[in-house]
Amino acid sequence: MGASSGQEKYFHQMNFFWNFVNLGIGIPGLIGTYKEKPSDFESVYKYQNRLESVYLFNTGLDVGYMATGWALNNYGKTRQGEISERFKGYGNSLVMQGAYLFVHDIFQFFLYRTNKKRLDIVWKGVIIRPTGTGVQFNFQ
């Protein structure tokens, strides 16, 4: 960032700021992953569904980031001087970051979706029957 100027300087500046946001989101997420350890099949299934929903929601946010970046870039083209360079640099950074996050989130969504299909196969093979003294579980 310090070795560049104009639009490039602002591109790097926004990437620098964006990574503080990533750090602020990533650290609590990582800590939460280690704290939350589903212990039974039902908890795993619910956790799986929640993560799938989060990645799908984030994919929509990523489209919003890219659209905002595109709008900032276009707005910068209508201005002159330093403000033009700032809007174009920030806009390009948002498009790039949003595109990366979109690819990451959509990949994770489909990865979790595939895992859910595997869990569905296991869950459909479970038979629970009451007995005189308790409950019997059969796995097919």
N, C-alpha and C. Protein backbone atom coordinates (compact mmCIF):
# COMPACT_ATOMS: atom_id res chain seq x y z
N MET A 1 0.83 -1.19 0.00
CA MET A 1 0.00 0.00 0.00
C MET A 1 0.88 1.25 0.00
N GLY A 2 1.96 1.21 0.80
CA GLY A 2 2.83 2.38 0.89
C GLY A 2 3.65 2.62 -0.35
N ALA A 3 3.85 1.58 -1.16
CA ALA A 3 4.69 1.73 -2.35
C ALA A 3 3.87 2.03 -3.59
N SER A 4 2.57 2.20 -3.43
CA SER A 4 1.73 2.47 -4.60
C SER A 4 1.03 3.81 -4.45
N SER A 5 0.38 4.21 -5.54
CA SER A 5 -0.34 5.48 -5.50
C SER A 5 -1.62 5.35 -6.33
N GLY A 6 -2.46 6.35 -6.20
CA GLY A 6 -3.70 6.40 -6.97
C GLY A 6 -4.64 5.26 -6.64
N GLN A 7 -5.26 4.75 -7.67
CA GLN A 7 -6.26 3.69 -7.53
C GLN A 7 -5.66 2.45 -6.87
N GLU A 8 -4.44 2.12 -7.21
CA GLU A 8 -3.77 0.94 -6.65
C GLU A 8 -3.58 1.08 -5.13
N LYS A 9 -3.24 2.27 -4.67
CA LYS A 9 -3.07 2.51 -3.24
C LYS A 9 -4.37 2.22 -2.48
N TYR A 10 -5.48 2.69 -3.03
CA TYR A 10 -6.76 2.51 -2.37
C TYR A 10 -7.25 1.07 -2.46
N PHE A 11 -6.87 0.39 -3.53
CA PHE A 11 -7.18 -1.03 -3.67
C PHE A 11 -6.53 -1.80 -2.52
N HIS A 12 -5.24 -1.55 -2.30
CA HIS A 12 -4.52 -2.23 -1.22
C HIS A 12 -5.02 -1.79 0.15
N GLN A 13 -5.37 -0.53 0.28
CA GLN A 13 -5.88 -0.02 1.55
C GLN A 13 -7.18 -0.74 1.94
N MET A 14 -8.08 -0.90 0.99
CA MET A 14 -9.34 -1.59 1.26
C MET A 14 -9.08 -3.06 1.59
N ASN A 15 -8.15 -3.69 0.89
CA ASN A 15 -7.82 -5.08 1.21
C ASN A 15 -7.29 -5.19 2.64
N PHE A 16 -6.50 -4.23 3.05
CA PHE A 16 -5.97 -4.20 4.42
C PHE A 16 -7.12 -4.10 5.42
N PHE A 17 -8.05 -3.18 5.18
CA PHE A 17 -9.21 -3.03 6.07
C PHE A 17 -10.08 -4.29 6.07
N TRP A 18 -10.28 -4.84 4.89
CA TRP A 18 -11.14 -6.01 4.74
C TRP A 18 -10.58 -7.18 5.56
N ASN A 19 -9.27 -7.29 5.61
CA ASN A 19 -8.68 -8.41 6.36
C ASN A 19 -8.84 -8.24 7.86
N PHE A 20 -8.97 -7.04 8.36
CA PHE A 20 -9.32 -6.85 9.77
C PHE A 20 -10.74 -7.35 10.03
N VAL A 21 -11.63 -7.12 9.09
CA VAL A 21 -13.00 -7.64 9.21
C VAL A 21 -12.95 -9.16 9.21
N ASN A 22 -12.19 -9.74 8.28
CA ASN A 22 -12.06 -11.20 8.22
C ASN A 22 -11.52 -11.77 9.53
N LEU A 23 -10.54 -11.11 10.09
CA LEU A 23 -9.97 -11.54 11.36
C LEU A 23 -11.01 -11.45 12.47
N GLY A 24 -11.79 -10.37 12.48
CA GLY A 24 -12.83 -10.19 13.48
C GLY A 24 -13.93 -11.23 13.38
N ILE A 25 -14.18 -11.74 12.20
CA ILE A 25 -15.19 -12.77 12.00
C ILE A 25 -14.58 -14.15 12.24
N GLY A 26 -13.37 -14.35 11.76
CA GLY A 26 -12.72 -15.66 11.80
C GLY A 26 -12.38 -16.16 13.19
N ILE A 27 -11.83 -15.29 14.02
CA ILE A 27 -11.41 -15.72 15.36
C ILE A 27 -12.59 -16.21 16.20
N PRO A 28 -13.68 -15.43 16.31
CA PRO A 28 -14.82 -15.97 17.08
C PRO A 28 -15.41 -17.23 16.45
N GLY A 29 -15.40 -17.30 15.12
CA GLY A 29 -15.91 -18.49 14.45
C GLY A 29 -15.07 -19.72 14.77
N LEU A 30 -13.76 -19.54 14.78
CA LEU A 30 -12.86 -20.64 15.11
C LEU A 30 -13.03 -21.08 16.55
N ILE A 31 -13.14 -20.12 17.45
CA ILE A 31 -13.35 -20.44 18.86
C ILE A 31 -14.67 -21.17 19.05
N GLY A 32 -15.71 -20.70 18.36
CA GLY A 32 -17.02 -21.35 18.45
C GLY A 32 -17.01 -22.77 17.93
N THR A 33 -16.19 -23.03 16.90
CA THR A 33 -16.08 -24.38 16.35
C THR A 33 -15.52 -25.34 17.38
N TYR A 34 -14.54 -24.89 18.14
CA TYR A 34 -13.94 -25.77 19.15
C TYR A 34 -14.84 -25.91 20.38
N LYS A 35 -15.64 -24.91 20.66
CA LYS A 35 -16.55 -24.99 21.81
C LYS A 35 -17.73 -25.90 21.52
N GLU A 36 -18.28 -25.80 20.31
CA GLU A 36 -19.50 -26.55 19.96
C GLU A 36 -19.11 -27.88 19.34
N LYS A 37 -19.23 -28.92 20.11
CA LYS A 37 -18.94 -30.27 19.62
C LYS A 37 -20.20 -31.10 19.75
N PRO A 38 -20.94 -31.25 18.65
CA PRO A 38 -22.16 -32.05 18.72
C PRO A 38 -21.84 -33.46 19.19
N SER A 39 -22.63 -33.97 20.14
CA SER A 39 -22.32 -35.26 20.74
C SER A 39 -23.21 -36.40 20.25
N ASP A 40 -24.34 -36.08 19.65
CA ASP A 40 -25.20 -37.14 19.16
C ASP A 40 -25.59 -36.84 17.71
N PHE A 41 -26.19 -37.84 17.09
CA PHE A 41 -26.49 -37.73 15.66
C PHE A 41 -27.43 -36.57 15.37
N GLU A 42 -28.43 -36.38 16.21
CA GLU A 42 -29.40 -35.29 15.98
C GLU A 42 -28.71 -33.93 16.04
N SER A 43 -27.80 -33.74 16.99
CA SER A 43 -27.05 -32.48 17.11
C SER A 43 -26.17 -32.25 15.89
N VAL A 44 -25.54 -33.32 15.43
CA VAL A 44 -24.70 -33.21 14.23
C VAL A 44 -25.55 -32.79 13.03
N TYR A 45 -26.72 -33.40 12.91
CA TYR A 45 -27.61 -33.10 11.79
C TYR A 45 -28.08 -31.64 11.83
N LYS A 46 -28.46 -31.16 13.01
CA LYS A 46 -28.90 -29.77 13.16
C LYS A 46 -27.75 -28.80 12.87
N TYR A 47 -26.57 -29.13 13.38
CA TYR A 47 -25.38 -28.30 13.14
C TYR A 47 -25.07 -28.25 11.64
N GLN A 48 -25.19 -29.38 10.98
CA GLN A 48 -24.97 -29.47 9.54
C GLN A 48 -25.95 -28.55 8.80
N ASN A 49 -27.21 -28.61 9.16
CA ASN A 49 -28.22 -27.76 8.52
C ASN A 49 -27.95 -26.28 8.74
N ARG A 50 -27.55 -25.93 9.96
CA ARG A 50 -27.26 -24.53 10.28
C ARG A 50 -26.08 -24.01 9.46
N LEU A 51 -25.01 -24.79 9.37
CA LEU A 51 -23.85 -24.36 8.60
C LEU A 51 -24.19 -24.21 7.12
N GLU A 52 -24.99 -25.12 6.62
CA GLU A 52 -25.42 -25.04 5.22
C GLU A 52 -26.18 -23.74 4.97
N SER A 53 -27.07 -23.39 5.89
CA SER A 53 -27.84 -22.15 5.77
C SER A 53 -26.95 -20.92 5.85
N VAL A 54 -25.97 -20.96 6.75
CA VAL A 54 -25.04 -19.82 6.90
C VAL A 54 -24.26 -19.60 5.62
N TYR A 55 -23.75 -20.67 5.02
CA TYR A 55 -22.98 -20.51 3.78
C TYR A 55 -23.85 -20.02 2.63
N LEU A 56 -25.09 -20.47 2.59
CA LEU A 56 -25.99 -19.99 1.53
C LEU A 56 -26.30 -18.51 1.73
N PHE A 57 -26.55 -18.10 2.97
CA PHE A 57 -26.79 -16.68 3.27
C PHE A 57 -25.56 -15.85 2.92
N ASN A 58 -24.38 -16.33 3.29
CA ASN A 58 -23.14 -15.60 2.99
C ASN A 58 -22.92 -15.46 1.49
N THR A 59 -23.34 -16.44 0.72
CA THR A 59 -23.21 -16.36 -0.73
C THR A 59 -24.02 -15.17 -1.26
N GLY A 60 -25.19 -14.95 -0.70
CA GLY A 60 -25.99 -13.79 -1.07
C GLY A 60 -25.30 -12.48 -0.69
N LEU A 61 -24.70 -12.46 0.50
CA LEU A 61 -23.94 -11.27 0.91
C LEU A 61 -22.79 -11.00 -0.03
N ASP A 62 -22.13 -12.06 -0.48
CA ASP A 62 -21.00 -11.90 -1.39
C ASP A 62 -21.42 -11.24 -2.70
N VAL A 63 -22.59 -11.59 -3.19
CA VAL A 63 -23.12 -10.95 -4.39
C VAL A 63 -23.33 -9.46 -4.12
N GLY A 64 -23.81 -9.14 -2.91
CA GLY A 64 -23.97 -7.74 -2.51
C GLY A 64 -22.64 -6.99 -2.45
N TYR A 65 -21.60 -7.65 -1.96
CA TYR A 65 -20.27 -7.03 -1.92
C TYR A 65 -19.79 -6.70 -3.34
N MET A 66 -19.97 -7.67 -4.24
CA MET A 66 -19.53 -7.45 -5.62
C MET A 66 -20.33 -6.32 -6.28
N ALA A 67 -21.63 -6.29 -6.04
CA ALA A 67 -22.47 -5.24 -6.62
C ALA A 67 -22.09 -3.87 -6.06
N THR A 68 -21.81 -3.82 -4.76
CA THR A 68 -21.38 -2.55 -4.15
C THR A 68 -20.06 -2.10 -4.73
N GLY A 69 -19.13 -3.04 -4.90
CA GLY A 69 -17.84 -2.71 -5.50
C GLY A 69 -17.99 -2.20 -6.91
N TRP A 70 -18.85 -2.84 -7.67
CA TRP A 70 -19.10 -2.40 -9.04
C TRP A 70 -19.69 -0.98 -9.05
N ALA A 71 -20.64 -0.72 -8.13
CA ALA A 71 -21.25 0.61 -8.05
C ALA A 71 -20.22 1.67 -7.64
N LEU A 72 -19.35 1.35 -6.67
CA LEU A 72 -18.30 2.29 -6.26
C LEU A 72 -17.36 2.58 -7.42
N ASN A 73 -16.99 1.55 -8.14
CA ASN A 73 -16.10 1.73 -9.28
C ASN A 73 -16.74 2.63 -10.33
N ASN A 74 -17.99 2.38 -10.64
CA ASN A 74 -18.68 3.21 -11.64
C ASN A 74 -18.86 4.64 -11.15
N TYR A 75 -19.12 4.81 -9.86
CA TYR A 75 -19.24 6.16 -9.31
C TYR A 75 -17.90 6.89 -9.43
N GLY A 76 -16.82 6.18 -9.17
CA GLY A 76 -15.50 6.77 -9.29
C GLY A 76 -15.19 7.24 -10.71
N LYS A 77 -15.76 6.59 -11.69
CA LYS A 77 -15.54 6.98 -13.09
C LYS A 77 -16.21 8.31 -13.42
N THR A 78 -17.18 8.72 -12.59
CA THR A 78 -17.87 9.99 -12.84
C THR A 78 -17.22 11.15 -12.11
N ARG A 79 -16.21 10.89 -11.32
CA ARG A 79 -15.53 11.92 -10.53
C ARG A 79 -14.14 12.18 -11.08
N GLN A 80 -13.50 13.19 -10.54
CA GLN A 80 -12.15 13.57 -10.97
C GLN A 80 -11.20 13.53 -9.79
N GLY A 81 -9.94 13.32 -10.05
CA GLY A 81 -8.90 13.45 -9.04
C GLY A 81 -8.85 12.31 -8.04
N GLU A 82 -8.41 12.68 -6.84
CA GLU A 82 -8.16 11.70 -5.78
C GLU A 82 -9.42 10.92 -5.39
N ILE A 83 -10.56 11.58 -5.34
CA ILE A 83 -11.81 10.90 -4.95
C ILE A 83 -12.17 9.83 -5.98
N SER A 84 -11.89 10.10 -7.24
CA SER A 84 -12.12 9.12 -8.29
C SER A 84 -11.26 7.89 -8.08
N GLU A 85 -10.00 8.11 -7.79
CA GLU A 85 -9.06 7.00 -7.56
C GLU A 85 -9.49 6.17 -6.35
N ARG A 86 -9.94 6.85 -5.30
CA ARG A 86 -10.37 6.15 -4.08
C ARG A 86 -11.57 5.25 -4.36
N PHE A 87 -12.59 5.80 -5.01
CA PHE A 87 -13.79 5.00 -5.29
C PHE A 87 -13.49 3.83 -6.21
N LYS A 88 -12.67 4.05 -7.21
CA LYS A 88 -12.33 2.95 -8.13
C LYS A 88 -11.49 1.89 -7.42
N GLY A 89 -10.53 2.30 -6.61
CA GLY A 89 -9.70 1.34 -5.88
C GLY A 89 -10.50 0.55 -4.88
N TYR A 90 -11.33 1.24 -4.09
CA TYR A 90 -12.19 0.55 -3.11
C TYR A 90 -13.16 -0.38 -3.83
N GLY A 91 -13.72 0.09 -4.92
CA GLY A 91 -14.68 -0.73 -5.68
C GLY A 91 -14.05 -2.00 -6.22
N ASN A 92 -12.87 -1.87 -6.82
CA ASN A 92 -12.18 -3.05 -7.35
C ASN A 92 -11.85 -4.04 -6.24
N SER A 93 -11.47 -3.53 -5.09
CA SER A 93 -11.15 -4.39 -3.96
C SER A 93 -12.40 -5.16 -3.50
N LEU A 94 -13.52 -4.47 -3.40
CA LEU A 94 -14.76 -5.14 -2.98
C LEU A 94 -15.19 -6.20 -3.99
N VAL A 95 -15.03 -5.92 -5.28
CA VAL A 95 -15.37 -6.91 -6.29
C VAL A 95 -14.49 -8.14 -6.13
N MET A 96 -13.19 -7.93 -5.96
CA MET A 96 -12.26 -9.05 -5.82
C MET A 96 -12.54 -9.86 -4.55
N GLN A 97 -12.70 -9.17 -3.43
CA GLN A 97 -12.97 -9.86 -2.17
C GLN A 97 -14.30 -10.60 -2.23
N GLY A 98 -15.31 -9.94 -2.77
CA GLY A 98 -16.62 -10.57 -2.88
C GLY A 98 -16.59 -11.79 -3.79
N ALA A 99 -15.83 -11.72 -4.89
CA ALA A 99 -15.72 -12.85 -5.81
C ALA A 99 -15.04 -14.03 -5.13
N TYR A 100 -13.95 -13.75 -4.40
CA TYR A 100 -13.27 -14.83 -3.68
C TYR A 100 -14.22 -15.47 -2.65
N LEU A 101 -14.89 -14.62 -1.87
CA LEU A 101 -15.79 -15.15 -0.84
C LEU A 101 -16.96 -15.91 -1.46
N PHE A 102 -17.43 -15.45 -2.62
CA PHE A 102 -18.52 -16.15 -3.30
C PHE A 102 -18.08 -17.57 -3.66
N VAL A 103 -16.91 -17.68 -4.27
CA VAL A 103 -16.40 -19.01 -4.65
C VAL A 103 -16.21 -19.88 -3.40
N HIS A 104 -15.63 -19.31 -2.37
CA HIS A 104 -15.41 -20.06 -1.12
C HIS A 104 -16.74 -20.51 -0.51
N ASP A 105 -17.68 -19.59 -0.37
CA ASP A 105 -18.94 -19.91 0.30
C ASP A 105 -19.79 -20.90 -0.50
N ILE A 106 -19.81 -20.75 -1.82
CA ILE A 106 -20.62 -21.67 -2.63
C ILE A 106 -19.98 -23.06 -2.61
N PHE A 107 -18.65 -23.13 -2.60
CA PHE A 107 -17.96 -24.41 -2.49
C PHE A 107 -18.29 -25.08 -1.16
N GLN A 108 -18.23 -24.30 -0.06
CA GLN A 108 -18.54 -24.84 1.26
C GLN A 108 -20.01 -25.28 1.34
N PHE A 109 -20.90 -24.51 0.75
CA PHE A 109 -22.32 -24.87 0.75
C PHE A 109 -22.52 -26.24 0.10
N PHE A 110 -21.92 -26.44 -1.08
CA PHE A 110 -22.10 -27.72 -1.77
C PHE A 110 -21.37 -28.85 -1.06
N LEU A 111 -20.27 -28.56 -0.41
CA LEU A 111 -19.58 -29.56 0.39
C LEU A 111 -20.47 -30.02 1.55
N TYR A 112 -21.09 -29.07 2.26
CA TYR A 112 -21.99 -29.42 3.35
C TYR A 112 -23.26 -30.10 2.83
N ARG A 113 -23.72 -29.69 1.67
CA ARG A 113 -24.90 -30.33 1.08
C ARG A 113 -24.61 -31.80 0.78
N THR A 114 -23.42 -32.09 0.26
CA THR A 114 -23.01 -33.46 -0.01
C THR A 114 -22.93 -34.26 1.28
N ASN A 115 -22.36 -33.67 2.33
CA ASN A 115 -22.29 -34.34 3.62
C ASN A 115 -23.68 -34.62 4.18
N LYS A 116 -24.60 -33.66 3.97
CA LYS A 116 -25.97 -33.85 4.47
C LYS A 116 -26.64 -35.04 3.78
N LYS A 117 -26.38 -35.21 2.49
CA LYS A 117 -26.95 -36.35 1.78
C LYS A 117 -26.43 -37.66 2.36
N ARG A 118 -25.16 -37.67 2.76
CA ARG A 118 -24.60 -38.87 3.40
C ARG A 118 -25.26 -39.10 4.76
N LEU A 119 -25.48 -38.02 5.50
CA LEU A 119 -26.15 -38.16 6.80
C LEU A 119 -27.59 -38.64 6.62
N ASP A 120 -28.25 -38.16 5.56
CA ASP A 120 -29.63 -38.61 5.29
C ASP A 120 -29.69 -40.11 5.07
N ILE A 121 -28.70 -40.66 4.35
CA ILE A 121 -28.66 -42.10 4.10
C ILE A 121 -28.54 -42.86 5.41
N VAL A 122 -27.66 -42.38 6.29
CA VAL A 122 -27.48 -43.03 7.60
C VAL A 122 -28.76 -42.90 8.42
N TRP A 123 -29.34 -41.70 8.45
CA TRP A 123 -30.52 -41.44 9.28
C TRP A 123 -31.71 -42.28 8.82
N LYS A 124 -31.85 -42.50 7.52
CA LYS A 124 -32.97 -43.29 7.00
C LYS A 124 -32.82 -44.77 7.35
N GLY A 125 -31.60 -45.20 7.66
CA GLY A 125 -31.36 -46.58 8.02
C GLY A 125 -31.50 -46.87 9.51
N VAL A 126 -31.88 -45.88 10.28
CA VAL A 126 -32.02 -46.06 11.73
C VAL A 126 -33.47 -46.41 12.04
N ILE A 127 -33.63 -47.49 12.80
CA ILE A 127 -34.97 -47.91 13.24
C ILE A 127 -34.98 -47.88 14.76
N ILE A 128 -35.95 -47.18 15.32
CA ILE A 128 -36.08 -47.07 16.77
C ILE A 128 -37.39 -47.74 17.17
N ARG A 129 -37.31 -48.73 18.08
CA ARG A 129 -38.50 -49.46 18.53
C ARG A 129 -38.54 -49.49 20.05
N PRO A 130 -39.71 -49.26 20.60
CA PRO A 130 -39.83 -49.42 22.05
C PRO A 130 -39.85 -50.91 22.40
N THR A 131 -39.23 -51.23 23.51
CA THR A 131 -39.28 -52.60 24.03
C THR A 131 -39.89 -52.55 25.42
N GLY A 132 -40.05 -53.68 26.05
CA GLY A 132 -40.66 -53.72 27.38
C GLY A 132 -39.82 -53.01 28.43
N THR A 133 -38.52 -52.97 28.22
CA THR A 133 -37.64 -52.37 29.24
C THR A 133 -36.91 -51.13 28.76
N GLY A 134 -37.11 -50.69 27.53
CA GLY A 134 -36.40 -49.51 27.03
C GLY A 134 -36.65 -49.28 25.55
N VAL A 135 -35.60 -48.92 24.85
CA VAL A 135 -35.70 -48.62 23.42
C VAL A 135 -34.62 -49.41 22.69
N GLN A 136 -34.97 -49.95 21.52
CA GLN A 136 -34.02 -50.69 20.71
C GLN A 136 -33.69 -49.87 19.47
N PHE A 137 -32.41 -49.74 19.18
CA PHE A 137 -31.94 -49.05 17.99
C PHE A 137 -31.36 -50.07 17.02
N ASN A 138 -31.81 -50.03 15.79
CA ASN A 138 -31.25 -50.89 14.74
C ASN A 138 -30.71 -50.00 13.63
N PHE A 139 -29.54 -50.31 13.15
CA PHE A 139 -28.92 -49.60 12.04
C PHE A 139 -28.82 -50.55 10.86
N GLN A 140 -29.35 -50.15 9.74
CA GLN A 140 -29.31 -51.00 8.54
C GLN A 140 -28.21 -50.54 7.62
